[in-house]
Amino acid sequence: KRAADITFGVHTVCCVAEKFLSTKGQLGYFA
């Protein structure tokens, strides 16, 4: 967040890889 918000000025979302990649509950997580 320090790199993105202050230094480079880009929007980011941080996701835990396991949740983002797992097919179980993925759509709810994406939502």
PDB file of all heavy atoms in Angstrom:
ATOM      1  N   LYS A   1       0.820  -1.207   0.000  1.00  0.00           N
ATOM      2  CA  LYS A   1       0.000   0.000   0.000  1.00  0.00           C
ATOM      3  C   LYS A   1       0.859   1.264   0.000  1.00  0.00           C
ATOM      4  O   LYS A   1       0.499   2.268  -0.618  1.00  0.00           O
ATOM      5  CB  LYS A   1      -0.966   0.013   1.194  1.00  0.00           C
ATOM      6  CG  LYS A   1      -2.067  -1.045   1.087  1.00  0.00           C
ATOM      7  CD  LYS A   1      -2.900  -0.878  -0.176  1.00  0.00           C
ATOM      8  CE  LYS A   1      -4.000  -1.928  -0.298  1.00  0.00           C
ATOM      9  NZ  LYS A   1      -4.691  -1.884  -1.603  1.00  0.00           N
ATOM     10  N   ARG A   2       2.001   1.228   0.686  1.00  0.00           N
ATOM     11  CA  ARG A   2       2.873   2.410   0.661  1.00  0.00           C
ATOM     12  C   ARG A   2       3.412   2.649  -0.748  1.00  0.00           C
ATOM     13  O   ARG A   2       3.439   3.772  -1.237  1.00  0.00           O
ATOM     14  CB  ARG A   2       4.023   2.258   1.660  1.00  0.00           C
ATOM     15  CG  ARG A   2       3.594   2.575   3.084  1.00  0.00           C
ATOM     16  CD  ARG A   2       4.780   2.772   3.996  1.00  0.00           C
ATOM     17  NE  ARG A   2       5.486   1.530   4.256  1.00  0.00           N
ATOM     18  CZ  ARG A   2       5.196   0.704   5.261  1.00  0.00           C
ATOM     19  NH1 ARG A   2       4.216   0.985   6.090  1.00  0.00           N
ATOM     20  NH2 ARG A   2       5.879  -0.396   5.433  1.00  0.00           N
ATOM     21  N   ALA A   3       3.819   1.568  -1.412  1.00  0.00           N
ATOM     22  CA  ALA A   3       4.338   1.698  -2.780  1.00  0.00           C
ATOM     23  C   ALA A   3       3.240   2.218  -3.705  1.00  0.00           C
ATOM     24  O   ALA A   3       3.428   3.172  -4.457  1.00  0.00           O
ATOM     25  CB  ALA A   3       4.861   0.349  -3.276  1.00  0.00           C
ATOM     26  N   ALA A   4       2.051   1.594  -3.629  1.00  0.00           N
ATOM     27  CA  ALA A   4       0.982   1.886  -4.589  1.00  0.00           C
ATOM     28  C   ALA A   4       0.314   3.233  -4.321  1.00  0.00           C
ATOM     29  O   ALA A   4       0.107   4.015  -5.241  1.00  0.00           O
ATOM     30  CB  ALA A   4      -0.053   0.761  -4.545  1.00  0.00           C
ATOM     31  N   ASP A   5      -0.015   3.506  -3.051  1.00  0.00           N
ATOM     32  CA  ASP A   5      -0.811   4.701  -2.728  1.00  0.00           C
ATOM     33  C   ASP A   5       0.019   5.981  -2.776  1.00  0.00           C
ATOM     34  O   ASP A   5      -0.477   7.035  -3.133  1.00  0.00           O
ATOM     35  CB  ASP A   5      -1.398   4.615  -1.300  1.00  0.00           C
ATOM     36  CG  ASP A   5      -2.385   3.475  -1.125  1.00  0.00           C
ATOM     37  OD1 ASP A   5      -2.787   2.871  -2.134  1.00  0.00           O
ATOM     38  OD2 ASP A   5      -2.745   3.184   0.039  1.00  0.00           O
ATOM     39  N   ILE A   6       1.278   5.880  -2.340  1.00  0.00           N
ATOM     40  CA  ILE A   6       2.054   7.105  -2.170  1.00  0.00           C
ATOM     41  C   ILE A   6       3.100   7.293  -3.257  1.00  0.00           C
ATOM     42  O   ILE A   6       3.185   8.330  -3.886  1.00  0.00           O
ATOM     43  CB  ILE A   6       2.727   7.110  -0.779  1.00  0.00           C
ATOM     44  CG1 ILE A   6       1.631   7.164   0.279  1.00  0.00           C
ATOM     45  CG2 ILE A   6       3.682   8.279  -0.627  1.00  0.00           C
ATOM     46  CD1 ILE A   6       2.059   7.570   1.626  1.00  0.00           C
ATOM     47  N   THR A   7       3.893   6.242  -3.497  1.00  0.00           N
ATOM     48  CA  THR A   7       5.030   6.408  -4.397  1.00  0.00           C
ATOM     49  C   THR A   7       4.638   6.338  -5.873  1.00  0.00           C
ATOM     50  O   THR A   7       5.010   7.191  -6.656  1.00  0.00           O
ATOM     51  CB  THR A   7       6.109   5.348  -4.074  1.00  0.00           C
ATOM     52  OG1 THR A   7       6.363   5.400  -2.666  1.00  0.00           O
ATOM     53  CG2 THR A   7       7.398   5.643  -4.826  1.00  0.00           C
ATOM     54  N   PHE A   8       3.853   5.318  -6.253  1.00  0.00           N
ATOM     55  CA  PHE A   8       3.588   5.119  -7.684  1.00  0.00           C
ATOM     56  C   PHE A   8       2.188   5.525  -8.140  1.00  0.00           C
ATOM     57  O   PHE A   8       1.954   5.683  -9.323  1.00  0.00           O
ATOM     58  CB  PHE A   8       3.874   3.665  -8.072  1.00  0.00           C
ATOM     59  CG  PHE A   8       5.288   3.242  -7.758  1.00  0.00           C
ATOM     60  CD1 PHE A   8       5.547   2.253  -6.815  1.00  0.00           C
ATOM     61  CD2 PHE A   8       6.365   3.877  -8.361  1.00  0.00           C
ATOM     62  CE1 PHE A   8       6.856   1.892  -6.501  1.00  0.00           C
ATOM     63  CE2 PHE A   8       7.678   3.520  -8.054  1.00  0.00           C
ATOM     64  CZ  PHE A   8       7.927   2.527  -7.123  1.00  0.00           C
ATOM     65  N   GLY A   9       1.245   5.657  -7.211  1.00  0.00           N
ATOM     66  CA  GLY A   9      -0.072   6.163  -7.574  1.00  0.00           C
ATOM     67  C   GLY A   9      -0.873   5.211  -8.436  1.00  0.00           C
ATOM     68  O   GLY A   9      -1.356   5.561  -9.505  1.00  0.00           O
ATOM     69  N   VAL A  10      -1.027   3.967  -7.970  1.00  0.00           N
ATOM     70  CA  VAL A  10      -1.823   2.996  -8.735  1.00  0.00           C
ATOM     71  C   VAL A  10      -2.812   2.320  -7.780  1.00  0.00           C
ATOM     72  O   VAL A  10      -2.491   2.072  -6.616  1.00  0.00           O
ATOM     73  CB  VAL A  10      -0.899   1.939  -9.407  1.00  0.00           C
ATOM     74  CG1 VAL A  10      -0.085   1.159  -8.379  1.00  0.00           C
ATOM     75  CG2 VAL A  10      -1.706   0.976 -10.282  1.00  0.00           C
ATOM     76  N   HIS A  11      -4.032   2.051  -8.255  1.00  0.00           N
ATOM     77  CA  HIS A  11      -5.004   1.337  -7.424  1.00  0.00           C
ATOM     78  C   HIS A  11      -4.627  -0.137  -7.333  1.00  0.00           C
ATOM     79  O   HIS A  11      -4.254  -0.740  -8.331  1.00  0.00           O
ATOM     80  CB  HIS A  11      -6.405   1.467  -8.016  1.00  0.00           C
ATOM     81  CG  HIS A  11      -7.049   2.789  -7.753  1.00  0.00           C
ATOM     82  ND1 HIS A  11      -7.353   3.225  -6.483  1.00  0.00           N
ATOM     83  CD2 HIS A  11      -7.440   3.782  -8.594  1.00  0.00           C
ATOM     84  CE1 HIS A  11      -7.911   4.429  -6.551  1.00  0.00           C
ATOM     85  NE2 HIS A  11      -7.970   4.794  -7.817  1.00  0.00           N
ATOM     86  N   THR A  12      -4.743  -0.683  -6.121  1.00  0.00           N
ATOM     87  CA  THR A  12      -4.424  -2.100  -5.928  1.00  0.00           C
ATOM     88  C   THR A  12      -5.508  -2.769  -5.096  1.00  0.00           C
ATOM     89  O   THR A  12      -6.160  -2.107  -4.276  1.00  0.00           O
ATOM     90  CB  THR A  12      -3.104  -2.258  -5.129  1.00  0.00           C
ATOM     91  OG1 THR A  12      -3.127  -1.361  -4.011  1.00  0.00           O
ATOM     92  CG2 THR A  12      -1.896  -1.955  -5.987  1.00  0.00           C
ATOM     93  N   VAL A  13      -5.710  -4.066  -5.305  1.00  0.00           N
ATOM     94  CA  VAL A  13      -6.436  -4.858  -4.318  1.00  0.00           C
ATOM     95  C   VAL A  13      -5.511  -6.001  -3.908  1.00  0.00           C
ATOM     96  O   VAL A  13      -4.884  -6.618  -4.761  1.00  0.00           O
ATOM     97  CB  VAL A  13      -7.787  -5.442  -4.834  1.00  0.00           C
ATOM     98  CG1 VAL A  13      -8.848  -4.364  -4.899  1.00  0.00           C
ATOM     99  CG2 VAL A  13      -7.627  -6.141  -6.156  1.00  0.00           C
ATOM    100  N   CYS A  14      -5.406  -6.223  -2.614  1.00  0.00           N
ATOM    101  CA  CYS A  14      -4.571  -7.312  -2.100  1.00  0.00           C
ATOM    102  C   CYS A  14      -5.461  -8.510  -1.812  1.00  0.00           C
ATOM    103  O   CYS A  14      -6.451  -8.392  -1.092  1.00  0.00           O
ATOM    104  CB  CYS A  14      -3.872  -6.885  -0.812  1.00  0.00           C
ATOM    105  SG  CYS A  14      -2.556  -5.696  -1.112  1.00  0.00           S
ATOM    106  N   CYS A  15      -5.121  -9.646  -2.380  1.00  0.00           N
ATOM    107  CA  CYS A  15      -5.921 -10.858  -2.186  1.00  0.00           C
ATOM    108  C   CYS A  15      -5.009 -11.976  -1.707  1.00  0.00           C
ATOM    109  O   CYS A  15      -3.871 -12.080  -2.163  1.00  0.00           O
ATOM    110  CB  CYS A  15      -6.557 -11.293  -3.505  1.00  0.00           C
ATOM    111  SG  CYS A  15      -7.507  -9.999  -4.311  1.00  0.00           S
ATOM    112  N   VAL A  16      -5.522 -12.807  -0.810  1.00  0.00           N
ATOM    113  CA  VAL A  16      -4.756 -13.984  -0.414  1.00  0.00           C
ATOM    114  C   VAL A  16      -4.858 -14.993  -1.565  1.00  0.00           C
ATOM    115  O   VAL A  16      -5.955 -15.344  -2.000  1.00  0.00           O
ATOM    116  CB  VAL A  16      -5.291 -14.576   0.905  1.00  0.00           C
ATOM    117  CG1 VAL A  16      -4.595 -15.883   1.231  1.00  0.00           C
ATOM    118  CG2 VAL A  16      -5.113 -13.566   2.028  1.00  0.00           C
ATOM    119  N   ALA A  17      -3.701 -15.415  -2.069  1.00  0.00           N
ATOM    120  CA  ALA A  17      -3.647 -16.243  -3.283  1.00  0.00           C
ATOM    121  C   ALA A  17      -4.595 -17.437  -3.203  1.00  0.00           C
ATOM    122  O   ALA A  17      -5.369 -17.699  -4.129  1.00  0.00           O
ATOM    123  CB  ALA A  17      -2.216 -16.718  -3.520  1.00  0.00           C
ATOM    124  N   GLU A  18      -4.557 -18.124  -2.079  1.00  0.00           N
ATOM    125  CA  GLU A  18      -5.362 -19.341  -1.936  1.00  0.00           C
ATOM    126  C   GLU A  18      -6.850 -19.062  -2.189  1.00  0.00           C
ATOM    127  O   GLU A  18      -7.529 -19.814  -2.875  1.00  0.00           O
ATOM    128  CB  GLU A  18      -5.147 -19.884  -0.520  1.00  0.00           C
ATOM    129  CG  GLU A  18      -5.708 -21.272  -0.313  1.00  0.00           C
ATOM    130  CD  GLU A  18      -5.581 -21.721   1.146  1.00  0.00           C
ATOM    131  OE1 GLU A  18      -4.996 -20.944   1.952  1.00  0.00           O
ATOM    132  OE2 GLU A  18      -6.085 -22.803   1.462  1.00  0.00           O
ATOM    133  N   LYS A  19      -7.332 -17.925  -1.631  1.00  0.00           N
ATOM    134  CA  LYS A  19      -8.749 -17.602  -1.802  1.00  0.00           C
ATOM    135  C   LYS A  19      -9.059 -17.196  -3.241  1.00  0.00           C
ATOM    136  O   LYS A  19     -10.107 -17.530  -3.791  1.00  0.00           O
ATOM    137  CB  LYS A  19      -9.137 -16.439  -0.877  1.00  0.00           C
ATOM    138  CG  LYS A  19      -9.152 -16.824   0.591  1.00  0.00           C
ATOM    139  CD  LYS A  19     -10.146 -15.907   1.319  1.00  0.00           C
ATOM    140  CE  LYS A  19     -10.518 -16.425   2.681  1.00  0.00           C
ATOM    141  NZ  LYS A  19      -9.834 -15.672   3.734  1.00  0.00           N
ATOM    142  N   PHE A  20      -8.157 -16.438  -3.837  1.00  0.00           N
ATOM    143  CA  PHE A  20      -8.388 -15.931  -5.192  1.00  0.00           C
ATOM    144  C   PHE A  20      -8.353 -17.076  -6.197  1.00  0.00           C
ATOM    145  O   PHE A  20      -9.079 -17.072  -7.194  1.00  0.00           O
ATOM    146  CB  PHE A  20      -7.308 -14.895  -5.532  1.00  0.00           C
ATOM    147  CG  PHE A  20      -7.608 -14.059  -6.746  1.00  0.00           C
ATOM    148  CD1 PHE A  20      -8.291 -12.863  -6.619  1.00  0.00           C
ATOM    149  CD2 PHE A  20      -7.203 -14.464  -8.016  1.00  0.00           C
ATOM    150  CE1 PHE A  20      -8.577 -12.069  -7.742  1.00  0.00           C
ATOM    151  CE2 PHE A  20      -7.484 -13.686  -9.138  1.00  0.00           C
ATOM    152  CZ  PHE A  20      -8.169 -12.490  -8.998  1.00  0.00           C
ATOM    153  N   LEU A  21      -7.503 -18.066  -5.932  1.00  0.00           N
ATOM    154  CA  LEU A  21      -7.281 -19.130  -6.915  1.00  0.00           C
ATOM    155  C   LEU A  21      -8.172 -20.350  -6.700  1.00  0.00           C
ATOM    156  O   LEU A  21      -8.370 -21.139  -7.614  1.00  0.00           O
ATOM    157  CB  LEU A  21      -5.810 -19.574  -6.881  1.00  0.00           C
ATOM    158  CG  LEU A  21      -4.783 -18.465  -7.158  1.00  0.00           C
ATOM    159  CD1 LEU A  21      -3.367 -18.969  -6.878  1.00  0.00           C
ATOM    160  CD2 LEU A  21      -4.894 -17.961  -8.588  1.00  0.00           C
ATOM    161  N   SER A  22      -8.701 -20.507  -5.486  1.00  0.00           N
ATOM    162  CA  SER A  22      -9.439 -21.738  -5.215  1.00  0.00           C
ATOM    163  C   SER A  22     -10.799 -21.702  -5.901  1.00  0.00           C
ATOM    164  O   SER A  22     -11.486 -20.674  -5.865  1.00  0.00           O
ATOM    165  CB  SER A  22      -9.625 -21.905  -3.714  1.00  0.00           C
ATOM    166  OG  SER A  22     -10.995 -21.936  -3.401  1.00  0.00           O
ATOM    167  N   THR A  23     -11.181 -22.805  -6.518  1.00  0.00           N
ATOM    168  CA  THR A  23     -12.467 -22.817  -7.231  1.00  0.00           C
ATOM    169  C   THR A  23     -13.627 -22.850  -6.243  1.00  0.00           C
ATOM    170  O   THR A  23     -14.751 -22.513  -6.576  1.00  0.00           O
ATOM    171  CB  THR A  23     -12.554 -24.032  -8.171  1.00  0.00           C
ATOM    172  OG1 THR A  23     -12.050 -25.170  -7.458  1.00  0.00           O
ATOM    173  CG2 THR A  23     -11.712 -23.802  -9.418  1.00  0.00           C
ATOM    174  N   LYS A  24     -13.345 -23.245  -5.002  1.00  0.00           N
ATOM    175  CA  LYS A  24     -14.401 -23.284  -3.981  1.00  0.00           C
ATOM    176  C   LYS A  24     -14.657 -21.859  -3.462  1.00  0.00           C
ATOM    177  O   LYS A  24     -13.755 -21.224  -2.944  1.00  0.00           O
ATOM    178  CB  LYS A  24     -13.962 -24.205  -2.829  1.00  0.00           C
ATOM    179  CG  LYS A  24     -15.115 -24.698  -1.972  1.00  0.00           C
ATOM    180  CD  LYS A  24     -14.691 -25.824  -1.048  1.00  0.00           C
ATOM    181  CE  LYS A  24     -14.331 -25.356   0.326  1.00  0.00           C
ATOM    182  NZ  LYS A  24     -13.066 -25.041   0.778  1.00  0.00           N
ATOM    183  N   GLY A  25     -15.871 -21.371  -3.614  1.00  0.00           N
ATOM    184  CA  GLY A  25     -16.204 -20.035  -3.092  1.00  0.00           C
ATOM    185  C   GLY A  25     -15.559 -18.899  -3.867  1.00  0.00           C
ATOM    186  O   GLY A  25     -15.582 -17.755  -3.426  1.00  0.00           O
ATOM    187  N   GLN A  26     -14.997 -19.214  -5.044  1.00  0.00           N
ATOM    188  CA  GLN A  26     -14.264 -18.184  -5.782  1.00  0.00           C
ATOM    189  C   GLN A  26     -15.144 -17.019  -6.224  1.00  0.00           C
ATOM    190  O   GLN A  26     -14.764 -15.858  -6.114  1.00  0.00           O
ATOM    191  CB  GLN A  26     -13.590 -18.805  -7.004  1.00  0.00           C
ATOM    192  CG  GLN A  26     -12.615 -17.872  -7.701  1.00  0.00           C
ATOM    193  CD  GLN A  26     -11.966 -18.519  -8.914  1.00  0.00           C
ATOM    194  OE1 GLN A  26     -12.637 -19.188  -9.694  1.00  0.00           O
ATOM    195  NE2 GLN A  26     -10.668 -18.330  -9.067  1.00  0.00           N
ATOM    196  N   LEU A  27     -16.358 -17.334  -6.704  1.00  0.00           N
ATOM    197  CA  LEU A  27     -17.215 -16.251  -7.206  1.00  0.00           C
ATOM    198  C   LEU A  27     -17.621 -15.292  -6.094  1.00  0.00           C
ATOM    199  O   LEU A  27     -17.677 -14.082  -6.286  1.00  0.00           O
ATOM    200  CB  LEU A  27     -18.441 -16.812  -7.923  1.00  0.00           C
ATOM    201  CG  LEU A  27     -18.129 -17.483  -9.267  1.00  0.00           C
ATOM    202  CD1 LEU A  27     -19.402 -18.006  -9.910  1.00  0.00           C
ATOM    203  CD2 LEU A  27     -17.408 -16.539 -10.217  1.00  0.00           C
ATOM    204  N   GLY A  28     -17.907 -15.839  -4.920  1.00  0.00           N
ATOM    205  CA  GLY A  28     -18.244 -14.985  -3.777  1.00  0.00           C
ATOM    206  C   GLY A  28     -17.070 -14.085  -3.420  1.00  0.00           C
ATOM    207  O   GLY A  28     -17.236 -12.911  -3.094  1.00  0.00           O
ATOM    208  N   TYR A  29     -15.872 -14.644  -3.503  1.00  0.00           N
ATOM    209  CA  TYR A  29     -14.668 -13.872  -3.206  1.00  0.00           C
ATOM    210  C   TYR A  29     -14.474 -12.783  -4.263  1.00  0.00           C
ATOM    211  O   TYR A  29     -14.247 -11.620  -3.937  1.00  0.00           O
ATOM    212  CB  TYR A  29     -13.452 -14.801  -3.153  1.00  0.00           C
ATOM    213  CG  TYR A  29     -12.200 -14.139  -2.638  1.00  0.00           C
ATOM    214  CD1 TYR A  29     -12.067 -13.813  -1.281  1.00  0.00           C
ATOM    215  CD2 TYR A  29     -11.151 -13.814  -3.492  1.00  0.00           C
ATOM    216  CE1 TYR A  29     -10.934 -13.191  -0.799  1.00  0.00           C
ATOM    217  CE2 TYR A  29     -10.004 -13.187  -3.019  1.00  0.00           C
ATOM    218  CZ  TYR A  29      -9.897 -12.882  -1.672  1.00  0.00           C
ATOM    219  OH  TYR A  29      -8.767 -12.255  -1.198  1.00  0.00           O
ATOM    220  N   PHE A  30     -14.627 -13.167  -5.532  1.00  0.00           N
ATOM    221  CA  PHE A  30     -14.534 -12.187  -6.625  1.00  0.00           C
ATOM    222  C   PHE A  30     -15.552 -11.056  -6.417  1.00  0.00           C
ATOM    223  O   PHE A  30     -15.266  -9.894  -6.690  1.00  0.00           O
ATOM    224  CB  PHE A  30     -14.808 -12.844  -7.981  1.00  0.00           C
ATOM    225  CG  PHE A  30     -13.651 -13.639  -8.540  1.00  0.00           C
ATOM    226  CD1 PHE A  30     -13.805 -14.380  -9.708  1.00  0.00           C
ATOM    227  CD2 PHE A  30     -12.411 -13.643  -7.917  1.00  0.00           C
ATOM    228  CE1 PHE A  30     -12.746 -15.105 -10.243  1.00  0.00           C
ATOM    229  CE2 PHE A  30     -11.338 -14.368  -8.434  1.00  0.00           C
ATOM    230  CZ  PHE A  30     -11.512 -15.103  -9.604  1.00  0.00           C
ATOM    231  N   ALA A  31     -16.751 -11.419  -5.961  1.00  0.00           N
ATOM    232  CA  ALA A  31     -17.810 -10.412  -5.782  1.00  0.00           C
ATOM    233  C   ALA A  31     -17.374  -9.371  -4.759  1.00  0.00           C
ATOM    234  O   ALA A  31     -17.540  -8.166  -4.966  1.00  0.00           O
ATOM    235  CB  ALA A  31     -19.107 -11.078  -5.353  1.00  0.00           C
TER     236      ALA A  31
END
